[in-house]
Each structure stands twice: as C-alpha cells, then as structure tokens.
mmCIF file of all heavy atoms, coordinates in Angstrom:
data_MODEL
# 
_entry.id   MODEL 
# 
loop_
_atom_site.group_PDB 
_atom_site.id 
_atom_site.type_symbol 
_atom_site.label_atom_id 
_atom_site.label_alt_id 
_atom_site.label_comp_id 
_atom_site.label_asym_id 
_atom_site.label_entity_id 
_atom_site.label_seq_id 
_atom_site.pdbx_PDB_ins_code 
_atom_site.Cartn_x 
_atom_site.Cartn_y 
_atom_site.Cartn_z 
_atom_site.occupancy 
_atom_site.B_iso_or_equiv 
_atom_site.pdbx_formal_charge 
_atom_site.auth_seq_id 
_atom_site.auth_comp_id 
_atom_site.auth_asym_id 
_atom_site.auth_atom_id 
_atom_site.pdbx_PDB_model_num 
ATOM 1   N N   . ILE A 1 1  ? 12.936 -67.008 -22.334 1.00 0.00 ? 1  ILE A N   1 
ATOM 2   C CA  . ILE A 1 1  ? 12.697 -68.130 -21.417 1.00 0.00 ? 1  ILE A CA  1 
ATOM 3   C C   . ILE A 1 1  ? 11.264 -68.123 -20.885 1.00 0.00 ? 1  ILE A C   1 
ATOM 4   O O   . ILE A 1 1  ? 10.590 -69.160 -20.840 1.00 0.00 ? 1  ILE A O   1 
ATOM 5   C CB  . ILE A 1 1  ? 13.715 -68.069 -20.246 1.00 0.00 ? 1  ILE A CB  1 
ATOM 6   C CG1 . ILE A 1 1  ? 15.116 -68.412 -20.755 1.00 0.00 ? 1  ILE A CG1 1 
ATOM 7   C CG2 . ILE A 1 1  ? 13.311 -69.026 -19.124 1.00 0.00 ? 1  ILE A CG2 1 
ATOM 8   C CD1 . ILE A 1 1  ? 16.194 -68.225 -19.714 1.00 0.00 ? 1  ILE A CD1 1 
ATOM 9   N N   . THR A 1 2  ? 10.791 -66.939 -20.505 1.00 0.00 ? 2  THR A N   1 
ATOM 10  C CA  . THR A 1 2  ? 9.425  -66.878 -19.955 1.00 0.00 ? 2  THR A CA  1 
ATOM 11  C C   . THR A 1 2  ? 8.380  -67.172 -21.023 1.00 0.00 ? 2  THR A C   1 
ATOM 12  O O   . THR A 1 2  ? 7.331  -67.745 -20.721 1.00 0.00 ? 2  THR A O   1 
ATOM 13  C CB  . THR A 1 2  ? 9.164  -65.499 -19.320 1.00 0.00 ? 2  THR A CB  1 
ATOM 14  O OG1 . THR A 1 2  ? 9.416  -64.468 -20.296 1.00 0.00 ? 2  THR A OG1 1 
ATOM 15  C CG2 . THR A 1 2  ? 10.058 -65.285 -18.116 1.00 0.00 ? 2  THR A CG2 1 
ATOM 16  N N   . ASP A 1 3  ? 8.657  -66.805 -22.267 1.00 0.00 ? 3  ASP A N   1 
ATOM 17  C CA  . ASP A 1 3  ? 7.742  -67.161 -23.356 1.00 0.00 ? 3  ASP A CA  1 
ATOM 18  C C   . ASP A 1 3  ? 7.680  -68.681 -23.527 1.00 0.00 ? 3  ASP A C   1 
ATOM 19  O O   . ASP A 1 3  ? 6.614  -69.248 -23.762 1.00 0.00 ? 3  ASP A O   1 
ATOM 20  C CB  . ASP A 1 3  ? 8.177  -66.505 -24.666 1.00 0.00 ? 3  ASP A CB  1 
ATOM 21  C CG  . ASP A 1 3  ? 7.891  -65.001 -24.687 1.00 0.00 ? 3  ASP A CG  1 
ATOM 22  O OD1 . ASP A 1 3  ? 7.215  -64.522 -23.755 1.00 0.00 ? 3  ASP A OD1 1 
ATOM 23  O OD2 . ASP A 1 3  ? 8.353  -64.319 -25.625 1.00 0.00 ? 3  ASP A OD2 1 
ATOM 24  N N   . GLU A 1 4  ? 8.838  -69.339 -23.405 1.00 0.00 ? 4  GLU A N   1 
ATOM 25  C CA  . GLU A 1 4  ? 8.865  -70.800 -23.504 1.00 0.00 ? 4  GLU A CA  1 
ATOM 26  C C   . GLU A 1 4  ? 8.051  -71.434 -22.374 1.00 0.00 ? 4  GLU A C   1 
ATOM 27  O O   . GLU A 1 4  ? 7.283  -72.383 -22.597 1.00 0.00 ? 4  GLU A O   1 
ATOM 28  C CB  . GLU A 1 4  ? 10.313 -71.305 -23.445 1.00 0.00 ? 4  GLU A CB  1 
ATOM 29  C CG  . GLU A 1 4  ? 11.144 -70.986 -24.673 1.00 0.00 ? 4  GLU A CG  1 
ATOM 30  C CD  . GLU A 1 4  ? 12.602 -71.401 -24.496 1.00 0.00 ? 4  GLU A CD  1 
ATOM 31  O OE1 . GLU A 1 4  ? 12.931 -71.965 -23.418 1.00 0.00 ? 4  GLU A OE1 1 
ATOM 32  O OE2 . GLU A 1 4  ? 13.409 -71.159 -25.411 1.00 0.00 ? 4  GLU A OE2 1 
ATOM 33  N N   . ILE A 1 5  ? 8.205  -70.907 -21.170 1.00 0.00 ? 5  ILE A N   1 
ATOM 34  C CA  . ILE A 1 5  ? 7.451  -71.423 -20.023 1.00 0.00 ? 5  ILE A CA  1 
ATOM 35  C C   . ILE A 1 5  ? 5.957  -71.199 -20.236 1.00 0.00 ? 5  ILE A C   1 
ATOM 36  O O   . ILE A 1 5  ? 5.135  -72.091 -20.000 1.00 0.00 ? 5  ILE A O   1 
ATOM 37  C CB  . ILE A 1 5  ? 7.921  -70.735 -18.718 1.00 0.00 ? 5  ILE A CB  1 
ATOM 38  C CG1 . ILE A 1 5  ? 9.365  -71.128 -18.416 1.00 0.00 ? 5  ILE A CG1 1 
ATOM 39  C CG2 . ILE A 1 5  ? 7.014  -71.104 -17.553 1.00 0.00 ? 5  ILE A CG2 1 
ATOM 40  C CD1 . ILE A 1 5  ? 9.975  -70.368 -17.245 1.00 0.00 ? 5  ILE A CD1 1 
ATOM 41  N N   . ALA A 1 6  ? 5.607  -70.004 -20.699 1.00 0.00 ? 6  ALA A N   1 
ATOM 42  C CA  . ALA A 1 6  ? 4.199  -69.674 -20.904 1.00 0.00 ? 6  ALA A CA  1 
ATOM 43  C C   . ALA A 1 6  ? 3.565  -70.559 -21.976 1.00 0.00 ? 6  ALA A C   1 
ATOM 44  O O   . ALA A 1 6  ? 2.437  -71.033 -21.830 1.00 0.00 ? 6  ALA A O   1 
ATOM 45  C CB  . ALA A 1 6  ? 4.051  -68.201 -21.279 1.00 0.00 ? 6  ALA A CB  1 
ATOM 46  N N   . ARG A 1 7  ? 4.311  -70.771 -23.076 1.00 0.00 ? 7  ARG A N   1 
ATOM 47  C CA  . ARG A 1 7  ? 3.761  -71.618 -24.149 1.00 0.00 ? 7  ARG A CA  1 
ATOM 48  C C   . ARG A 1 7  ? 3.587  -73.060 -23.690 1.00 0.00 ? 7  ARG A C   1 
ATOM 49  O O   . ARG A 1 7  ? 2.761  -73.787 -24.224 1.00 0.00 ? 7  ARG A O   1 
ATOM 50  C CB  . ARG A 1 7  ? 4.684  -71.552 -25.372 1.00 0.00 ? 7  ARG A CB  1 
ATOM 51  C CG  . ARG A 1 7  ? 4.497  -70.308 -26.226 1.00 0.00 ? 7  ARG A CG  1 
ATOM 52  C CD  . ARG A 1 7  ? 5.198  -70.442 -27.571 1.00 0.00 ? 7  ARG A CD  1 
ATOM 53  N NE  . ARG A 1 7  ? 6.651  -70.456 -27.418 1.00 0.00 ? 7  ARG A NE  1 
ATOM 54  C CZ  . ARG A 1 7  ? 7.409  -69.364 -27.449 1.00 0.00 ? 7  ARG A CZ  1 
ATOM 55  N NH1 . ARG A 1 7  ? 6.845  -68.176 -27.624 1.00 0.00 ? 7  ARG A NH1 1 
ATOM 56  N NH2 . ARG A 1 7  ? 8.727  -69.450 -27.310 1.00 0.00 ? 7  ARG A NH2 1 
ATOM 57  N N   . ALA A 1 8  ? 4.353  -73.462 -22.691 1.00 0.00 ? 8  ALA A N   1 
ATOM 58  C CA  . ALA A 1 8  ? 4.218  -74.814 -22.137 1.00 0.00 ? 8  ALA A CA  1 
ATOM 59  C C   . ALA A 1 8  ? 3.087  -74.888 -21.110 1.00 0.00 ? 8  ALA A C   1 
ATOM 60  O O   . ALA A 1 8  ? 2.872  -75.943 -20.508 1.00 0.00 ? 8  ALA A O   1 
ATOM 61  C CB  . ALA A 1 8  ? 5.533  -75.244 -21.494 1.00 0.00 ? 8  ALA A CB  1 
ATOM 62  N N   . GLY A 1 9  ? 2.371  -73.774 -20.919 1.00 0.00 ? 9  GLY A N   1 
ATOM 63  C CA  . GLY A 1 9  ? 1.251  -73.762 -19.977 1.00 0.00 ? 9  GLY A CA  1 
ATOM 64  C C   . GLY A 1 9  ? 1.653  -73.510 -18.547 1.00 0.00 ? 9  GLY A C   1 
ATOM 65  O O   . GLY A 1 9  ? 0.840  -73.663 -17.635 1.00 0.00 ? 9  GLY A O   1 
ATOM 66  N N   . GLY A 1 10 ? 2.924  -73.119 -18.335 1.00 0.00 ? 10 GLY A N   1 
ATOM 67  C CA  . GLY A 1 10 ? 3.398  -72.838 -16.993 1.00 0.00 ? 10 GLY A CA  1 
ATOM 68  C C   . GLY A 1 10 ? 3.326  -71.362 -16.674 1.00 0.00 ? 10 GLY A C   1 
ATOM 69  O O   . GLY A 1 10 ? 2.963  -70.533 -17.509 1.00 0.00 ? 10 GLY A O   1 
ATOM 70  N N   . THR A 1 11 ? 3.682  -71.044 -15.446 1.00 0.00 ? 11 THR A N   1 
ATOM 71  C CA  . THR A 1 11 ? 3.711  -69.657 -15.002 1.00 0.00 ? 11 THR A CA  1 
ATOM 72  C C   . THR A 1 11 ? 5.153  -69.288 -14.650 1.00 0.00 ? 11 THR A C   1 
ATOM 73  O O   . THR A 1 11 ? 5.756  -69.935 -13.787 1.00 0.00 ? 11 THR A O   1 
ATOM 74  C CB  . THR A 1 11 ? 2.821  -69.455 -13.771 1.00 0.00 ? 11 THR A CB  1 
ATOM 75  O OG1 . THR A 1 11 ? 1.487  -69.816 -14.104 1.00 0.00 ? 11 THR A OG1 1 
ATOM 76  C CG2 . THR A 1 11 ? 2.857  -68.002 -13.307 1.00 0.00 ? 11 THR A CG2 1 
ATOM 77  N N   . PRO A 1 12 ? 5.740  -68.273 -15.307 1.00 0.00 ? 12 PRO A N   1 
ATOM 78  C CA  . PRO A 1 12 ? 7.112  -67.870 -14.974 1.00 0.00 ? 12 PRO A CA  1 
ATOM 79  C C   . PRO A 1 12 ? 7.132  -66.821 -13.869 1.00 0.00 ? 12 PRO A C   1 
ATOM 80  O O   . PRO A 1 12 ? 6.323  -65.891 -13.866 1.00 0.00 ? 12 PRO A O   1 
ATOM 81  C CB  . PRO A 1 12 ? 7.625  -67.289 -16.290 1.00 0.00 ? 12 PRO A CB  1 
ATOM 82  C CG  . PRO A 1 12 ? 6.398  -66.766 -16.974 1.00 0.00 ? 12 PRO A CG  1 
ATOM 83  C CD  . PRO A 1 12 ? 5.230  -67.587 -16.500 1.00 0.00 ? 12 PRO A CD  1 
ATOM 84  N N   . LEU A 1 13 ? 8.017  -66.998 -12.939 1.00 0.00 ? 13 LEU A N   1 
ATOM 85  C CA  . LEU A 1 13 ? 8.286  -65.973 -11.933 1.00 0.00 ? 13 LEU A CA  1 
ATOM 86  C C   . LEU A 1 13 ? 9.713  -65.481 -12.132 1.00 0.00 ? 13 LEU A C   1 
ATOM 87  O O   . LEU A 1 13 ? 10.644 -66.299 -12.217 1.00 0.00 ? 13 LEU A O   1 
ATOM 88  C CB  . LEU A 1 13 ? 8.139  -66.540 -10.515 1.00 0.00 ? 13 LEU A CB  1 
ATOM 89  C CG  . LEU A 1 13 ? 6.738  -66.799 -9.977  1.00 0.00 ? 13 LEU A CG  1 
ATOM 90  C CD1 . LEU A 1 13 ? 6.825  -67.284 -8.537  1.00 0.00 ? 13 LEU A CD1 1 
ATOM 91  C CD2 . LEU A 1 13 ? 5.870  -65.559 -10.063 1.00 0.00 ? 13 LEU A CD2 1 
ATOM 92  N N   . ALA A 1 14 ? 9.888  -64.184 -12.226 1.00 0.00 ? 14 ALA A N   1 
ATOM 93  C CA  . ALA A 1 14 ? 11.231 -63.622 -12.391 1.00 0.00 ? 14 ALA A CA  1 
ATOM 94  C C   . ALA A 1 14 ? 11.857 -63.376 -11.021 1.00 0.00 ? 14 ALA A C   1 
ATOM 95  O O   . ALA A 1 14 ? 11.159 -63.071 -10.043 1.00 0.00 ? 14 ALA A O   1 
ATOM 96  C CB  . ALA A 1 14 ? 11.168 -62.329 -13.185 1.00 0.00 ? 14 ALA A CB  1 
ATOM 97  N N   . VAL A 1 15 ? 13.170 -63.505 -10.952 1.00 0.00 ? 15 VAL A N   1 
ATOM 98  C CA  . VAL A 1 15 ? 13.915 -63.246 -9.720  1.00 0.00 ? 15 VAL A CA  1 
ATOM 99  C C   . VAL A 1 15 ? 15.004 -62.220 -10.040 1.00 0.00 ? 15 VAL A C   1 
ATOM 100 O O   . VAL A 1 15 ? 15.746 -62.375 -11.022 1.00 0.00 ? 15 VAL A O   1 
ATOM 101 C CB  . VAL A 1 15 ? 14.555 -64.531 -9.162  1.00 0.00 ? 15 VAL A CB  1 
ATOM 102 C CG1 . VAL A 1 15 ? 15.346 -64.220 -7.889  1.00 0.00 ? 15 VAL A CG1 1 
ATOM 103 C CG2 . VAL A 1 15 ? 13.488 -65.586 -8.877  1.00 0.00 ? 15 VAL A CG2 1 
ATOM 104 N N   . ALA A 1 16 ? 15.079 -61.165 -9.235  1.00 0.00 ? 16 ALA A N   1 
ATOM 105 C CA  . ALA A 1 16 ? 16.087 -60.124 -9.423  1.00 0.00 ? 16 ALA A CA  1 
ATOM 106 C C   . ALA A 1 16 ? 16.787 -59.860 -8.104  1.00 0.00 ? 16 ALA A C   1 
ATOM 107 O O   . ALA A 1 16 ? 16.185 -59.961 -7.026  1.00 0.00 ? 16 ALA A O   1 
ATOM 108 C CB  . ALA A 1 16 ? 15.447 -58.847 -9.954  1.00 0.00 ? 16 ALA A CB  1 
ATOM 109 N N   . LYS A 1 17 ? 18.078 -59.525 -8.202  1.00 0.00 ? 17 LYS A N   1 
ATOM 110 C CA  . LYS A 1 17 ? 18.864 -59.207 -7.019  1.00 0.00 ? 17 LYS A CA  1 
ATOM 111 C C   . LYS A 1 17 ? 19.585 -57.889 -7.257  1.00 0.00 ? 17 LYS A C   1 
ATOM 112 O O   . LYS A 1 17 ? 20.351 -57.756 -8.222  1.00 0.00 ? 17 LYS A O   1 
ATOM 113 C CB  . LYS A 1 17 ? 19.873 -60.331 -6.747  1.00 0.00 ? 17 LYS A CB  1 
ATOM 114 C CG  . LYS A 1 17 ? 20.771 -60.094 -5.543  1.00 0.00 ? 17 LYS A CG  1 
ATOM 115 C CD  . LYS A 1 17 ? 21.711 -61.277 -5.346  1.00 0.00 ? 17 LYS A CD  1 
ATOM 116 C CE  . LYS A 1 17 ? 22.671 -61.067 -4.197  1.00 0.00 ? 17 LYS A CE  1 
ATOM 117 N NZ  . LYS A 1 17 ? 23.592 -62.208 -4.034  1.00 0.00 ? 17 LYS A NZ  1 
ATOM 118 N N   . ASP A 1 18 ? 19.274 -56.913 -6.409  1.00 0.00 ? 18 ASP A N   1 
ATOM 119 C CA  . ASP A 1 18 ? 19.878 -55.576 -6.530  1.00 0.00 ? 18 ASP A CA  1 
ATOM 120 C C   . ASP A 1 18 ? 19.703 -55.005 -7.930  1.00 0.00 ? 18 ASP A C   1 
ATOM 121 O O   . ASP A 1 18 ? 20.629 -54.440 -8.523  1.00 0.00 ? 18 ASP A O   1 
ATOM 122 C CB  . ASP A 1 18 ? 21.363 -55.632 -6.165  1.00 0.00 ? 18 ASP A CB  1 
ATOM 123 C CG  . ASP A 1 18 ? 21.591 -55.995 -4.706  1.00 0.00 ? 18 ASP A CG  1 
ATOM 124 O OD1 . ASP A 1 18 ? 20.688 -55.702 -3.882  1.00 0.00 ? 18 ASP A OD1 1 
ATOM 125 O OD2 . ASP A 1 18 ? 22.638 -56.587 -4.392  1.00 0.00 ? 18 ASP A OD2 1 
ATOM 126 N N   . GLY A 1 19 ? 18.514 -55.177 -8.483  1.00 0.00 ? 19 GLY A N   1 
ATOM 127 C CA  . GLY A 1 19 ? 18.214 -54.627 -9.794  1.00 0.00 ? 19 GLY A CA  1 
ATOM 128 C C   . GLY A 1 19 ? 18.768 -55.411 -10.955 1.00 0.00 ? 19 GLY A C   1 
ATOM 129 O O   . GLY A 1 19 ? 18.652 -54.979 -12.107 1.00 0.00 ? 19 GLY A O   1 
ATOM 130 N N   . LYS A 1 20 ? 19.360 -56.583 -10.719 1.00 0.00 ? 20 LYS A N   1 
ATOM 131 C CA  . LYS A 1 20 ? 19.926 -57.404 -11.788 1.00 0.00 ? 20 LYS A CA  1 
ATOM 132 C C   . LYS A 1 20 ? 19.107 -58.688 -11.909 1.00 0.00 ? 20 LYS A C   1 
ATOM 133 O O   . LYS A 1 20 ? 18.840 -59.361 -10.918 1.00 0.00 ? 20 LYS A O   1 
ATOM 134 C CB  . LYS A 1 20 ? 21.384 -57.741 -11.482 1.00 0.00 ? 20 LYS A CB  1 
ATOM 135 C CG  . LYS A 1 20 ? 22.027 -58.664 -12.513 1.00 0.00 ? 20 LYS A CG  1 
ATOM 136 C CD  . LYS A 1 20 ? 23.438 -59.066 -12.085 1.00 0.00 ? 20 LYS A CD  1 
ATOM 137 C CE  . LYS A 1 20 ? 24.029 -60.076 -13.077 1.00 0.00 ? 20 LYS A CE  1 
ATOM 138 N NZ  . LYS A 1 20 ? 25.378 -60.547 -12.655 1.00 0.00 ? 20 LYS A NZ  1 
ATOM 139 N N   . LEU A 1 21 ? 18.731 -59.033 -13.129 1.00 0.00 ? 21 LEU A N   1 
ATOM 140 C CA  . LEU A 1 21 ? 17.950 -60.248 -13.368 1.00 0.00 ? 21 LEU A CA  1 
ATOM 141 C C   . LEU A 1 21 ? 18.809 -61.490 -13.160 1.00 0.00 ? 21 LEU A C   1 
ATOM 142 O O   . LEU A 1 21 ? 19.921 -61.591 -13.692 1.00 0.00 ? 21 LEU A O   1 
ATOM 143 C CB  . LEU A 1 21 ? 17.382 -60.254 -14.793 1.00 0.00 ? 21 LEU A CB  1 
ATOM 144 C CG  . LEU A 1 21 ? 16.273 -59.253 -15.092 1.00 0.00 ? 21 LEU A CG  1 
ATOM 145 C CD1 . LEU A 1 21 ? 15.928 -59.266 -16.580 1.00 0.00 ? 21 LEU A CD1 1 
ATOM 146 C CD2 . LEU A 1 21 ? 15.026 -59.555 -14.272 1.00 0.00 ? 21 LEU A CD2 1 
ATOM 147 N N   . LEU A 1 22 ? 18.287 -62.445 -12.387 1.00 0.00 ? 22 LEU A N   1 
ATOM 148 C CA  . LEU A 1 22 ? 18.988 -63.715 -12.169 1.00 0.00 ? 22 LEU A CA  1 
ATOM 149 C C   . LEU A 1 22 ? 18.394 -64.843 -13.008 1.00 0.00 ? 22 LEU A C   1 
ATOM 150 O O   . LEU A 1 22 ? 19.104 -65.770 -13.393 1.00 0.00 ? 22 LEU A O   1 
ATOM 151 C CB  . LEU A 1 22 ? 18.934 -64.104 -10.691 1.00 0.00 ? 22 LEU A CB  1 
ATOM 152 C CG  . LEU A 1 22 ? 19.559 -63.122 -9.693  1.00 0.00 ? 22 LEU A CG  1 
ATOM 153 C CD1 . LEU A 1 22 ? 19.476 -63.698 -8.289  1.00 0.00 ? 22 LEU A CD1 1 
ATOM 154 C CD2 . LEU A 1 22 ? 21.000 -62.805 -10.066 1.00 0.00 ? 22 LEU A CD2 1 
ATOM 155 N N   . GLY A 1 23 ? 17.090 -64.783 -13.255 1.00 0.00 ? 23 GLY A N   1 
ATOM 156 C CA  . GLY A 1 23 ? 16.459 -65.838 -14.041 1.00 0.00 ? 23 GLY A CA  1 
ATOM 157 C C   . GLY A 1 23 ? 14.986 -65.965 -13.721 1.00 0.00 ? 23 GLY A C   1 
ATOM 158 O O   . GLY A 1 23 ? 14.362 -65.042 -13.183 1.00 0.00 ? 23 GLY A O   1 
ATOM 159 N N   . ALA A 1 24 ? 14.448 -67.131 -14.056 1.00 0.00 ? 24 ALA A N   1 
ATOM 160 C CA  . ALA A 1 24 ? 13.014 -67.367 -13.886 1.00 0.00 ? 24 ALA A CA  1 
ATOM 161 C C   . ALA A 1 24 ? 12.781 -68.710 -13.205 1.00 0.00 ? 24 ALA A C   1 
ATOM 162 O O   . ALA A 1 24 ? 13.603 -69.626 -13.288 1.00 0.00 ? 24 ALA A O   1 
ATOM 163 C CB  . ALA A 1 24 ? 12.299 -67.333 -15.235 1.00 0.00 ? 24 ALA A CB  1 
# 
C-alpha cells in the first residue's frame, strides 16, 4: 500500500496500535 502511495507522489504515514499495524 505504501509503495502505491509513494508511486502516486504521496507520502504514506503508518499507524500502529499496541505493536499491531492498522494501516496507512
């Protein structure tokens, strides 16, 4: 997902809760 965002010229921010990835 973050590669797709990056290739579109955007900036991905990751969000994690208690050590578990929720998304970008």
